[in-house]
Amino acid sequence: MDDNPDPSTPAHTHQGHAQVPNWMVRDTTISGRAKLIYLCLSSRTSREMTAWPSHALMAQEAGISVTSVKAALAELKALGVVNWQSRRNPNGGQTSNVYTVHITPTPSRGAPTP
């Protein structure tokens, strides 16, 4: 039996769990949508803590709009816990970004100290 319904997605993304740091869960100034998007990203990270889901996929998984995903990503970037680089396909068009998820905020990334 194949436990991985999408062969282009690594099997580890369909197993296990994802975490949101306690400091983030308890910080009432961080929006719920930002916490959800952090969870969506961390559920898809590689060993290098990178992931590349589309805005549409994150919106679907979180049950929010693409506009809300973009706002949540901006919030997470301002906190210093997510950053990204845009990627291009062979024809030069943009494809999904590569996101790096940081577990521990640091003042150097502009994040609050827990």
PDB file of N, CA and C in Angstrom:
ATOM      1  N   MET A   1       0.839  -1.182   0.000  1.00  0.00           N
ATOM      2  CA  MET A   1       0.000   0.000   0.000  1.00  0.00           C
ATOM      3  C   MET A   1       0.879   1.238   0.000  1.00  0.00           C
ATOM      4  N   ASP A   2       0.549   2.205  -0.828  1.00  0.00           N
ATOM      5  CA  ASP A   2       1.323   3.436  -0.938  1.00  0.00           C
ATOM      6  C   ASP A   2       0.766   4.472   0.027  1.00  0.00           C
ATOM      7  N   ASP A   3       1.578   4.843   1.037  1.00  0.00           N
ATOM      8  CA  ASP A   3       1.154   5.847   2.015  1.00  0.00           C
ATOM      9  C   ASP A   3       1.387   7.261   1.522  1.00  0.00           C
ATOM     10  N   ASN A   4       2.040   7.425   0.395  1.00  0.00           N
ATOM     11  CA  ASN A   4       2.355   8.733  -0.143  1.00  0.00           C
ATOM     12  C   ASN A   4       1.496   8.977  -1.386  1.00  0.00           C
ATOM     13  N   PRO A   5       0.378   9.707  -1.255  1.00  0.00           N
ATOM     14  CA  PRO A   5      -0.526   9.874  -2.390  1.00  0.00           C
ATOM     15  C   PRO A   5       0.052  10.694  -3.545  1.00  0.00           C
ATOM     16  N   ASP A   6       1.028  11.531  -3.296  1.00  0.00           N
ATOM     17  CA  ASP A   6       1.627  12.355  -4.343  1.00  0.00           C
ATOM     18  C   ASP A   6       3.100  11.998  -4.453  1.00  0.00           C
ATOM     19  N   PRO A   7       3.488  11.251  -5.487  1.00  0.00           N
ATOM     20  CA  PRO A   7       4.889  10.808  -5.582  1.00  0.00           C
ATOM     21  C   PRO A   7       5.895  11.944  -5.719  1.00  0.00           C
ATOM     22  N   SER A   8       5.456  13.156  -6.083  1.00  0.00           N
ATOM     23  CA  SER A   8       6.389  14.272  -6.195  1.00  0.00           C
ATOM     24  C   SER A   8       6.666  14.914  -4.843  1.00  0.00           C
ATOM     25  N   THR A   9       5.926  14.531  -3.818  1.00  0.00           N
ATOM     26  CA  THR A   9       6.108  15.062  -2.472  1.00  0.00           C
ATOM     27  C   THR A   9       6.842  14.031  -1.630  1.00  0.00           C
ATOM     28  N   PRO A  10       7.889  14.445  -0.910  1.00  0.00           N
ATOM     29  CA  PRO A  10       8.616  13.481  -0.080  1.00  0.00           C
ATOM     30  C   PRO A  10       7.686  12.792   0.908  1.00  0.00           C
ATOM     31  N   ALA A  11       7.922  11.518   1.133  1.00  0.00           N
ATOM     32  CA  ALA A  11       7.060  10.722   2.012  1.00  0.00           C
ATOM     33  C   ALA A  11       7.010  11.290   3.424  1.00  0.00           C
ATOM     34  N   HIS A  12       8.107  11.899   3.892  1.00  0.00           N
ATOM     35  CA  HIS A  12       8.115  12.387   5.272  1.00  0.00           C
ATOM     36  C   HIS A  12       7.092  13.492   5.513  1.00  0.00           C
ATOM     37  N   THR A  13       6.617  14.141   4.468  1.00  0.00           N
ATOM     38  CA  THR A  13       5.644  15.215   4.661  1.00  0.00           C
ATOM     39  C   THR A  13       4.262  14.666   4.978  1.00  0.00           C
ATOM     40  N   HIS A  14       4.044  13.377   4.795  1.00  0.00           N
ATOM     41  CA  HIS A  14       2.742  12.778   5.066  1.00  0.00           C
ATOM     42  C   HIS A  14       2.722  12.056   6.407  1.00  0.00           C
ATOM     43  N   GLN A  15       3.827  12.080   7.108  1.00  0.00           N
ATOM     44  CA  GLN A  15       3.942  11.385   8.375  1.00  0.00           C
ATOM     45  C   GLN A  15       4.436  12.369   9.424  1.00  0.00           C
ATOM     46  N   GLY A  16       4.428  11.933  10.655  1.00  0.00           N
ATOM     47  CA  GLY A  16       5.015  12.736  11.715  1.00  0.00           C
ATOM     48  C   GLY A  16       4.127  13.880  12.162  1.00  0.00           C
ATOM     49  N   HIS A  17       4.769  14.951  12.564  1.00  0.00           N
ATOM     50  CA  HIS A  17       4.048  16.094  13.094  1.00  0.00           C
ATOM     51  C   HIS A  17       4.835  17.368  12.828  1.00  0.00           C
ATOM     52  N   ALA A  18       4.182  18.478  13.062  1.00  0.00           N
ATOM     53  CA  ALA A  18       4.828  19.784  12.950  1.00  0.00           C
ATOM     54  C   ALA A  18       4.654  20.500  14.278  1.00  0.00           C
ATOM     55  N   GLN A  19       5.511  21.459  14.526  1.00  0.00           N
ATOM     56  CA  GLN A  19       5.460  22.169  15.794  1.00  0.00           C
ATOM     57  C   GLN A  19       5.469  23.677  15.586  1.00  0.00           C
ATOM     58  N   VAL A  20       4.820  24.348  16.503  1.00  0.00           N
ATOM     59  CA  VAL A  20       4.897  25.795  16.614  1.00  0.00           C
ATOM     60  C   VAL A  20       5.571  26.057  17.956  1.00  0.00           C
ATOM     61  N   PRO A  21       6.609  26.887  17.985  1.00  0.00           N
ATOM     62  CA  PRO A  21       7.306  27.129  19.252  1.00  0.00           C
ATOM     63  C   PRO A  21       6.359  27.675  20.326  1.00  0.00           C
ATOM     64  N   ASN A  22       6.603  27.272  21.560  1.00  0.00           N
ATOM     65  CA  ASN A  22       5.753  27.721  22.668  1.00  0.00           C
ATOM     66  C   ASN A  22       5.662  29.237  22.749  1.00  0.00           C
ATOM     67  N   TRP A  23       6.784  29.938  22.548  1.00  0.00           N
ATOM     68  CA  TRP A  23       6.746  31.391  22.655  1.00  0.00           C
ATOM     69  C   TRP A  23       5.766  31.977  21.641  1.00  0.00           C
ATOM     70  N   MET A  24       5.673  31.355  20.449  1.00  0.00           N
ATOM     71  CA  MET A  24       4.778  31.856  19.412  1.00  0.00           C
ATOM     72  C   MET A  24       3.324  31.561  19.769  1.00  0.00           C
ATOM     73  N   VAL A  25       3.072  30.370  20.278  1.00  0.00           N
ATOM     74  CA  VAL A  25       1.712  30.001  20.677  1.00  0.00           C
ATOM     75  C   VAL A  25       1.193  30.972  21.728  1.00  0.00           C
ATOM     76  N   ARG A  26       2.042  31.348  22.672  1.00  0.00           N
ATOM     77  CA  ARG A  26       1.622  32.169  23.812  1.00  0.00           C
ATOM     78  C   ARG A  26       1.622  33.664  23.529  1.00  0.00           C
ATOM     79  N   ASP A  27       2.223  34.086  22.445  1.00  0.00           N
ATOM     80  CA  ASP A  27       2.280  35.517  22.116  1.00  0.00           C
ATOM     81  C   ASP A  27       0.961  35.941  21.475  1.00  0.00           C
ATOM     82  N   THR A  28       0.160  36.669  22.213  1.00  0.00           N
ATOM     83  CA  THR A  28      -1.167  37.065  21.731  1.00  0.00           C
ATOM     84  C   THR A  28      -1.126  38.176  20.691  1.00  0.00           C
ATOM     85  N   THR A  29       0.056  38.735  20.428  1.00  0.00           N
ATOM     86  CA  THR A  29       0.152  39.765  19.394  1.00  0.00           C
ATOM     87  C   THR A  29       0.345  39.162  17.999  1.00  0.00           C
ATOM     88  N   ILE A  30       0.637  37.870  17.949  1.00  0.00           N
ATOM     89  CA  ILE A  30       0.818  37.189  16.660  1.00  0.00           C
ATOM     90  C   ILE A  30      -0.532  36.644  16.226  1.00  0.00           C
ATOM     91  N   SER A  31      -0.908  36.912  14.996  1.00  0.00           N
ATOM     92  CA  SER A  31      -2.219  36.488  14.505  1.00  0.00           C
ATOM     93  C   SER A  31      -2.325  34.973  14.392  1.00  0.00           C
ATOM     94  N   GLY A  32      -3.546  34.499  14.479  1.00  0.00           N
ATOM     95  CA  GLY A  32      -3.804  33.075  14.291  1.00  0.00           C
ATOM     96  C   GLY A  32      -3.408  32.604  12.913  1.00  0.00           C
ATOM     97  N   ARG A  33      -3.623  33.452  11.902  1.00  0.00           N
ATOM     98  CA  ARG A  33      -3.258  33.030  10.544  1.00  0.00           C
ATOM     99  C   ARG A  33      -1.755  32.881  10.400  1.00  0.00           C
ATOM    100  N   ALA A  34      -0.976  33.732  11.083  1.00  0.00           N
ATOM    101  CA  ALA A  34       0.485  33.595  11.025  1.00  0.00           C
ATOM    102  C   ALA A  34       0.926  32.285  11.682  1.00  0.00           C
ATOM    103  N   LYS A  35       0.291  31.946  12.796  1.00  0.00           N
ATOM    104  CA  LYS A  35       0.619  30.688  13.477  1.00  0.00           C
ATOM    105  C   LYS A  35       0.263  29.488  12.588  1.00  0.00           C
ATOM    106  N   LEU A  36      -0.885  29.571  11.900  1.00  0.00           N
ATOM    107  CA  LEU A  36      -1.277  28.491  10.989  1.00  0.00           C
ATOM    108  C   LEU A  36      -0.294  28.329   9.838  1.00  0.00           C
ATOM    109  N   ILE A  37       0.132  29.435   9.255  1.00  0.00           N
ATOM    110  CA  ILE A  37       1.063  29.357   8.126  1.00  0.00           C
ATOM    111  C   ILE A  37       2.425  28.865   8.594  1.00  0.00           C
ATOM    112  N   TYR A  38       2.851  29.277   9.779  1.00  0.00           N
ATOM    113  CA  TYR A  38       4.091  28.734  10.334  1.00  0.00           C
ATOM    114  C   TYR A  38       3.973  27.215  10.466  1.00  0.00           C
ATOM    115  N   LEU A  39       2.832  26.755  10.944  1.00  0.00           N
ATOM    116  CA  LEU A  39       2.593  25.319  11.090  1.00  0.00           C
ATOM    117  C   LEU A  39       2.598  24.622   9.734  1.00  0.00           C
ATOM    118  N   CYS A  40       1.933  25.201   8.741  1.00  0.00           N
ATOM    119  CA  CYS A  40       1.932  24.616   7.388  1.00  0.00           C
ATOM    120  C   CYS A  40       3.353  24.508   6.843  1.00  0.00           C
ATOM    121  N   LEU A  41       4.131  25.575   7.000  1.00  0.00           N
ATOM    122  CA  LEU A  41       5.511  25.544   6.506  1.00  0.00           C
ATOM    123  C   LEU A  41       6.349  24.521   7.265  1.00  0.00           C
ATOM    124  N   SER A  42       6.243  24.520   8.593  1.00  0.00           N
ATOM    125  CA  SER A  42       7.089  23.599   9.359  1.00  0.00           C
ATOM    126  C   SER A  42       6.710  22.146   9.110  1.00  0.00           C
ATOM    127  N   SER A  43       5.466  21.901   8.701  1.00  0.00           N
ATOM    128  CA  SER A  43       5.070  20.522   8.395  1.00  0.00           C
ATOM    129  C   SER A  43       5.689  20.022   7.096  1.00  0.00           C
ATOM    130  N   ARG A  44       6.234  20.923   6.307  1.00  0.00           N
ATOM    131  CA  ARG A  44       6.796  20.557   5.001  1.00  0.00           C
ATOM    132  C   ARG A  44       8.306  20.773   4.909  1.00  0.00           C
ATOM    133  N   THR A  45       8.948  21.146   5.999  1.00  0.00           N
ATOM    134  CA  THR A  45      10.367  21.463   5.906  1.00  0.00           C
ATOM    135  C   THR A  45      11.238  20.230   5.703  1.00  0.00           C
ATOM    136  N   SER A  46      12.335  20.475   5.031  1.00  0.00           N
ATOM    137  CA  SER A  46      13.368  19.463   4.841  1.00  0.00           C
ATOM    138  C   SER A  46      14.286  19.479   6.060  1.00  0.00           C
ATOM    139  N   ARG A  47      15.301  18.667   6.029  1.00  0.00           N
ATOM    140  CA  ARG A  47      16.283  18.673   7.119  1.00  0.00           C
ATOM    141  C   ARG A  47      16.981  20.026   7.230  1.00  0.00           C
ATOM    142  N   GLU A  48      17.035  20.746   6.132  1.00  0.00           N
ATOM    143  CA  GLU A  48      17.672  22.068   6.111  1.00  0.00           C
ATOM    144  C   GLU A  48      16.699  23.161   6.545  1.00  0.00           C
ATOM    145  N   MET A  49      15.497  22.761   6.976  1.00  0.00           N
ATOM    146  CA  MET A  49      14.451  23.689   7.406  1.00  0.00           C
ATOM    147  C   MET A  49      13.960  24.582   6.270  1.00  0.00           C
ATOM    148  N   THR A  50      13.959  24.026   5.054  1.00  0.00           N
ATOM    149  CA  THR A  50      13.419  24.742   3.910  1.00  0.00           C
ATOM    150  C   THR A  50      12.183  24.015   3.383  1.00  0.00           C
ATOM    151  N   ALA A  51      11.319  24.771   2.758  1.00  0.00           N
ATOM    152  CA  ALA A  51      10.099  24.230   2.157  1.00  0.00           C
ATOM    153  C   ALA A  51       9.739  25.113   0.971  1.00  0.00           C
ATOM    154  N   TRP A  52       8.939  24.586   0.071  1.00  0.00           N
ATOM    155  CA  TRP A  52       8.591  25.356  -1.129  1.00  0.00           C
ATOM    156  C   TRP A  52       7.127  25.202  -1.540  1.00  0.00           C
ATOM    157  N   PRO A  53       6.183  25.239  -0.600  1.00  0.00           N
ATOM    158  CA  PRO A  53       4.774  25.149  -0.999  1.00  0.00           C
ATOM    159  C   PRO A  53       4.317  26.443  -1.678  1.00  0.00           C
ATOM    160  N   SER A  54       3.337  26.318  -2.531  1.00  0.00           N
ATOM    161  CA  SER A  54       2.765  27.507  -3.179  1.00  0.00           C
ATOM    162  C   SER A  54       1.846  28.234  -2.200  1.00  0.00           C
ATOM    163  N   HIS A  55       1.575  29.492  -2.515  1.00  0.00           N
ATOM    164  CA  HIS A  55       0.604  30.240  -1.703  1.00  0.00           C
ATOM    165  C   HIS A  55      -0.749  29.542  -1.716  1.00  0.00           C
ATOM    166  N   ALA A  56      -1.132  29.016  -2.870  1.00  0.00           N
ATOM    167  CA  ALA A  56      -2.432  28.345  -2.994  1.00  0.00           C
ATOM    168  C   ALA A  56      -2.500  27.107  -2.106  1.00  0.00           C
ATOM    169  N   LEU A  57      -1.433  26.339  -2.050  1.00  0.00           N
ATOM    170  CA  LEU A  57      -1.423  25.144  -1.209  1.00  0.00           C
ATOM    171  C   LEU A  57      -1.510  25.521   0.264  1.00  0.00           C
ATOM    172  N   MET A  58      -0.737  26.529   0.678  1.00  0.00           N
ATOM    173  CA  MET A  58      -0.800  26.957   2.079  1.00  0.00           C
ATOM    174  C   MET A  58      -2.199  27.464   2.423  1.00  0.00           C
ATOM    175  N   ALA A  59      -2.815  28.200   1.508  1.00  0.00           N
ATOM    176  CA  ALA A  59      -4.171  28.704   1.738  1.00  0.00           C
ATOM    177  C   ALA A  59      -5.142  27.548   1.906  1.00  0.00           C
ATOM    178  N   GLN A  60      -5.019  26.547   1.058  1.00  0.00           N
ATOM    179  CA  GLN A  60      -5.898  25.385   1.129  1.00  0.00           C
ATOM    180  C   GLN A  60      -5.712  24.651   2.462  1.00  0.00           C
ATOM    181  N   GLU A  61      -4.472  24.391   2.830  1.00  0.00           N
ATOM    182  CA  GLU A  61      -4.204  23.655   4.066  1.00  0.00           C
ATOM    183  C   GLU A  61      -4.637  24.420   5.311  1.00  0.00           C
ATOM    184  N   ALA A  62      -4.482  25.735   5.288  1.00  0.00           N
ATOM    185  CA  ALA A  62      -4.833  26.553   6.454  1.00  0.00           C
ATOM    186  C   ALA A  62      -6.295  26.974   6.464  1.00  0.00           C
ATOM    187  N   GLY A  63      -6.985  26.801   5.334  1.00  0.00           N
ATOM    188  CA  GLY A  63      -8.383  27.206   5.263  1.00  0.00           C
ATOM    189  C   GLY A  63      -8.562  28.710   5.243  1.00  0.00           C
ATOM    190  N   ILE A  64      -7.595  29.408   4.618  1.00  0.00           N
ATOM    191  CA  ILE A  64      -7.658  30.860   4.516  1.00  0.00           C
ATOM    192  C   ILE A  64      -7.398  31.264   3.072  1.00  0.00           C
ATOM    193  N   SER A  65      -7.540  32.535   2.766  1.00  0.00           N
ATOM    194  CA  SER A  65      -7.332  33.021   1.403  1.00  0.00           C
ATOM    195  C   SER A  65      -5.846  33.194   1.100  1.00  0.00           C
ATOM    196  N   VAL A  66      -5.515  33.272  -0.181  1.00  0.00           N
ATOM    197  CA  VAL A  66      -4.135  33.529  -0.602  1.00  0.00           C
ATOM    198  C   VAL A  66      -3.687  34.897  -0.093  1.00  0.00           C
ATOM    199  N   THR A  67      -4.593  35.869  -0.097  1.00  0.00           N
ATOM    200  CA  THR A  67      -4.272  37.197   0.434  1.00  0.00           C
ATOM    201  C   THR A  67      -3.877  37.096   1.906  1.00  0.00           C
ATOM    202  N   SER A  68      -4.607  36.279   2.670  1.00  0.00           N
ATOM    203  CA  SER A  68      -4.276  36.088   4.087  1.00  0.00           C
ATOM    204  C   SER A  68      -2.949  35.356   4.260  1.00  0.00           C
ATOM    205  N   VAL A  69      -2.645  34.427   3.362  1.00  0.00           N
ATOM    206  CA  VAL A  69      -1.344  33.742   3.403  1.00  0.00           C
ATOM    207  C   VAL A  69      -0.226  34.769   3.230  1.00  0.00           C
ATOM    208  N   LYS A  70      -0.363  35.647   2.257  1.00  0.00           N
ATOM    209  CA  LYS A  70       0.672  36.658   2.009  1.00  0.00           C
ATOM    210  C   LYS A  70       0.843  37.578   3.210  1.00  0.00           C
ATOM    211  N   ALA A  71      -0.275  37.956   3.839  1.00  0.00           N
ATOM    212  CA  ALA A  71      -0.192  38.805   5.033  1.00  0.00           C
ATOM    213  C   ALA A  71       0.483  38.050   6.182  1.00  0.00           C
ATOM    214  N   ALA A  72       0.156  36.780   6.338  1.00  0.00           N
ATOM    215  CA  ALA A  72       0.763  35.967   7.397  1.00  0.00           C
ATOM    216  C   ALA A  72       2.265  35.816   7.158  1.00  0.00           C
ATOM    217  N   LEU A  73       2.662  35.598   5.920  1.00  0.00           N
ATOM    218  CA  LEU A  73       4.089  35.471   5.601  1.00  0.00           C
ATOM    219  C   LEU A  73       4.831  36.765   5.914  1.00  0.00           C
ATOM    220  N   ALA A  74       4.223  37.899   5.607  1.00  0.00           N
ATOM    221  CA  ALA A  74       4.847  39.193   5.921  1.00  0.00           C
ATOM    222  C   ALA A  74       5.014  39.346   7.437  1.00  0.00           C
ATOM    223  N   GLU A  75       4.008  38.924   8.181  1.00  0.00           N
ATOM    224  CA  GLU A  75       4.072  38.980   9.644  1.00  0.00           C
ATOM    225  C   GLU A  75       5.188  38.078  10.172  1.00  0.00           C
ATOM    226  N   LEU A  76       5.272  36.865   9.641  1.00  0.00           N
ATOM    227  CA  LEU A  76       6.314  35.926  10.071  1.00  0.00           C
ATOM    228  C   LEU A  76       7.708  36.427   9.702  1.00  0.00           C
ATOM    229  N   LYS A  77       7.814  37.071   8.556  1.00  0.00           N
ATOM    230  CA  LYS A  77       9.107  37.637   8.153  1.00  0.00           C
ATOM    231  C   LYS A  77       9.511  38.757   9.103  1.00  0.00           C
ATOM    232  N   ALA A  78       8.546  39.616   9.460  1.00  0.00           N
ATOM    233  CA  ALA A  78       8.835  40.708  10.389  1.00  0.00           C
ATOM    234  C   ALA A  78       9.255  40.182  11.756  1.00  0.00           C
ATOM    235  N   LEU A  79       8.724  39.027  12.143  1.00  0.00           N
ATOM    236  CA  LEU A  79       9.107  38.399  13.408  1.00  0.00           C
ATOM    237  C   LEU A  79      10.493  37.761  13.330  1.00  0.00           C
ATOM    238  N   GLY A  80      10.972  37.530  12.125  1.00  0.00           N
ATOM    239  CA  GLY A  80      12.284  36.918  11.952  1.00  0.00           C
ATOM    240  C   GLY A  80      12.273  35.406  12.014  1.00  0.00           C
ATOM    241  N   VAL A  81      11.096  34.784  11.806  1.00  0.00           N
ATOM    242  CA  VAL A  81      11.034  33.329  11.895  1.00  0.00           C
ATOM    243  C   VAL A  81      10.855  32.642  10.548  1.00  0.00           C
ATOM    244  N   VAL A  82      10.592  33.422   9.509  1.00  0.00           N
ATOM    245  CA  VAL A  82      10.483  32.876   8.150  1.00  0.00           C
ATOM    246  C   VAL A  82      11.108  33.888   7.196  1.00  0.00           C
ATOM    247  N   ASN A  83      11.893  33.389   6.270  1.00  0.00           N
ATOM    248  CA  ASN A  83      12.337  34.222   5.158  1.00  0.00           C
ATOM    249  C   ASN A  83      12.275  33.381   3.897  1.00  0.00           C
ATOM    250  N   TRP A  84      12.396  34.023   2.749  1.00  0.00           N
ATOM    251  CA  TRP A  84      12.258  33.277   1.505  1.00  0.00           C
ATOM    252  C   TRP A  84      13.038  33.922   0.382  1.00  0.00           C
ATOM    253  N   GLN A  85      13.250  33.087  -0.632  1.00  0.00           N
ATOM    254  CA  GLN A  85      13.866  33.524  -1.881  1.00  0.00           C
ATOM    255  C   GLN A  85      12.951  33.077  -3.003  1.00  0.00           C
ATOM    256  N   SER A  86      12.756  33.951  -3.980  1.00  0.00           N
ATOM    257  CA  SER A  86      11.920  33.553  -5.112  1.00  0.00           C
ATOM    258  C   SER A  86      12.712  32.622  -6.015  1.00  0.00           C
ATOM    259  N   ARG A  87      11.985  31.747  -6.707  1.00  0.00           N
ATOM    260  CA  ARG A  87      12.605  30.803  -7.640  1.00  0.00           C
ATOM    261  C   ARG A  87      12.030  31.053  -9.015  1.00  0.00           C
ATOM    262  N   ARG A  88      12.790  30.695 -10.025  1.00  0.00           N
ATOM    263  CA  ARG A  88      12.362  30.850 -11.412  1.00  0.00           C
ATOM    264  C   ARG A  88      12.384  29.502 -12.103  1.00  0.00           C
ATOM    265  N   ASN A  89      11.430  29.289 -12.986  1.00  0.00           N
ATOM    266  CA  ASN A  89      11.427  28.065 -13.784  1.00  0.00           C
ATOM    267  C   ASN A  89      12.360  28.258 -14.969  1.00  0.00           C
ATOM    268  N   PRO A  90      12.627  27.226 -15.761  1.00  0.00           N
ATOM    269  CA  PRO A  90      13.573  27.341 -16.888  1.00  0.00           C
ATOM    270  C   PRO A  90      13.203  28.422 -17.904  1.00  0.00           C
ATOM    271  N   ASN A  91      11.924  28.773 -17.993  1.00  0.00           N
ATOM    272  CA  ASN A  91      11.498  29.824 -18.922  1.00  0.00           C
ATOM    273  C   ASN A  91      11.588  31.218 -18.332  1.00  0.00           C
ATOM    274  N   GLY A  92      12.031  31.326 -17.072  1.00  0.00           N
ATOM    275  CA  GLY A  92      12.183  32.621 -16.431  1.00  0.00           C
ATOM    276  C   GLY A  92      10.984  33.073 -15.626  1.00  0.00           C
ATOM    277  N   GLY A  93       9.893  32.324 -15.663  1.00  0.00           N
ATOM    278  CA  GLY A  93       8.713  32.672 -14.876  1.00  0.00           C
ATOM    279  C   GLY A  93       8.898  32.274 -13.424  1.00  0.00           C
ATOM    280  N   GLN A  94       8.179  32.963 -12.554  1.00  0.00           N
ATOM    281  CA  GLN A  94       8.300  32.642 -11.139  1.00  0.00           C
ATOM    282  C   GLN A  94       7.559  31.358 -10.815  1.00  0.00           C
ATOM    283  N   THR A  95       8.174  30.568  -9.974  1.00  0.00           N
ATOM    284  CA  THR A  95       7.545  29.369  -9.420  1.00  0.00           C
ATOM    285  C   THR A  95       7.462  29.577  -7.907  1.00  0.00           C
ATOM    286  N   SER A  96       7.186  28.566  -7.146  1.00  0.00           N
ATOM    287  CA  SER A  96       7.041  28.763  -5.701  1.00  0.00           C
ATOM    288  C   SER A  96       8.349  29.244  -5.077  1.00  0.00           C
ATOM    289  N   ASN A  97       8.216  29.987  -4.001  1.00  0.00           N
ATOM    290  CA  ASN A  97       9.372  30.463  -3.257  1.00  0.00           C
ATOM    291  C   ASN A  97       9.986  29.317  -2.458  1.00  0.00           C
ATOM    292  N   VAL A  98      11.241  29.497  -2.067  1.00  0.00           N
ATOM    293  CA  VAL A  98      11.879  28.592  -1.118  1.00  0.00           C
ATOM    294  C   VAL A  98      11.861  29.317   0.224  1.00  0.00           C
ATOM    295  N   TYR A  99      11.167  28.735   1.180  1.00  0.00           N
ATOM    296  CA  TYR A  99      11.025  29.318   2.515  1.00  0.00           C
ATOM    297  C   TYR A  99      11.996  28.652   3.465  1.00  0.00           C
ATOM    298  N   THR A 100      12.603  29.443   4.331  1.00  0.00           N
ATOM    299  CA  THR A 100      13.420  28.923   5.416  1.00  0.00           C
ATOM    300  C   THR A 100      12.706  29.249   6.712  1.00  0.00           C
ATOM    301  N   VAL A 101      12.500  28.215   7.513  1.00  0.00           N
ATOM    302  CA  VAL A 101      11.775  28.355   8.775  1.00  0.00           C
ATOM    303  C   VAL A 101      12.791  28.335   9.912  1.00  0.00           C
ATOM    304  N   HIS A 102      12.694  29.319  10.791  1.00  0.00           N
ATOM    305  CA  HIS A 102      13.585  29.414  11.953  1.00  0.00           C
ATOM    306  C   HIS A 102      12.779  29.054  13.194  1.00  0.00           C
ATOM    307  N   ILE A 103      13.293  28.149  13.980  1.00  0.00           N
ATOM    308  CA  ILE A 103      12.587  27.698  15.176  1.00  0.00           C
ATOM    309  C   ILE A 103      12.751  28.692  16.321  1.00  0.00           C
ATOM    310  N   THR A 104      13.945  29.186  16.480  1.00  0.00           N
ATOM    311  CA  THR A 104      14.240  30.094  17.579  1.00  0.00           C
ATOM    312  C   THR A 104      14.419  31.505  17.036  1.00  0.00           C
ATOM    313  N   PRO A 105      13.620  32.439  17.491  1.00  0.00           N
ATOM    314  CA  PRO A 105      13.799  33.811  17.030  1.00  0.00           C
ATOM    315  C   PRO A 105      15.083  34.392  17.613  1.00  0.00           C
ATOM    316  N   THR A 106      15.702  35.265  16.881  1.00  0.00           N
ATOM    317  CA  THR A 106      16.878  35.944  17.389  1.00  0.00           C
ATOM    318  C   THR A 106      16.729  37.422  17.116  1.00  0.00           C
ATOM    319  N   PRO A 107      17.277  38.249  18.004  1.00  0.00           N
ATOM    320  CA  PRO A 107      17.188  39.693  17.774  1.00  0.00           C
ATOM    321  C   PRO A 107      17.788  40.126  16.441  1.00  0.00           C
ATOM    322  N   SER A 108      18.798  39.379  15.943  1.00  0.00           N
ATOM    323  CA  SER A 108      19.419  39.745  14.676  1.00  0.00           C
ATOM    324  C   SER A 108      18.465  39.587  13.502  1.00  0.00           C
ATOM    325  N   ARG A 109      17.412  38.779  13.659  1.00  0.00           N
ATOM    326  CA  ARG A 109      16.406  38.632  12.603  1.00  0.00           C
ATOM    327  C   ARG A 109      15.213  39.539  12.891  1.00  0.00           C
ATOM    328  N   GLY A 110      15.304  40.363  13.904  1.00  0.00           N
ATOM    329  CA  GLY A 110      14.230  41.281  14.209  1.00  0.00           C
ATOM    330  C   GLY A 110      13.127  40.685  15.042  1.00  0.00           C
ATOM    331  N   ALA A 111      13.351  39.502  15.592  1.00  0.00           N
ATOM    332  CA  ALA A 111      12.307  38.829  16.361  1.00  0.00           C
ATOM    333  C   ALA A 111      12.398  39.182  17.830  1.00  0.00           C
ATOM    334  N   PRO A 112      11.279  39.080  18.529  1.00  0.00           N
ATOM    335  CA  PRO A 112      11.315  39.327  19.973  1.00  0.00           C
ATOM    336  C   PRO A 112      12.060  38.202  20.670  1.00  0.00           C
ATOM    337  N   THR A 113      12.655  38.528  21.796  1.00  0.00           N
ATOM    338  CA  THR A 113      13.289  37.471  22.568  1.00  0.00           C
ATOM    339  C   THR A 113      12.225  36.849  23.459  1.00  0.00           C
ATOM    340  N   PRO A 114      12.197  35.528  23.505  1.00  0.00           N
ATOM    341  CA  PRO A 114      11.144  34.850  24.281  1.00  0.00           C
ATOM    342  C   PRO A 114      11.253  35.113  25.770  1.00  0.00           C
TER     343      PRO A 114
END
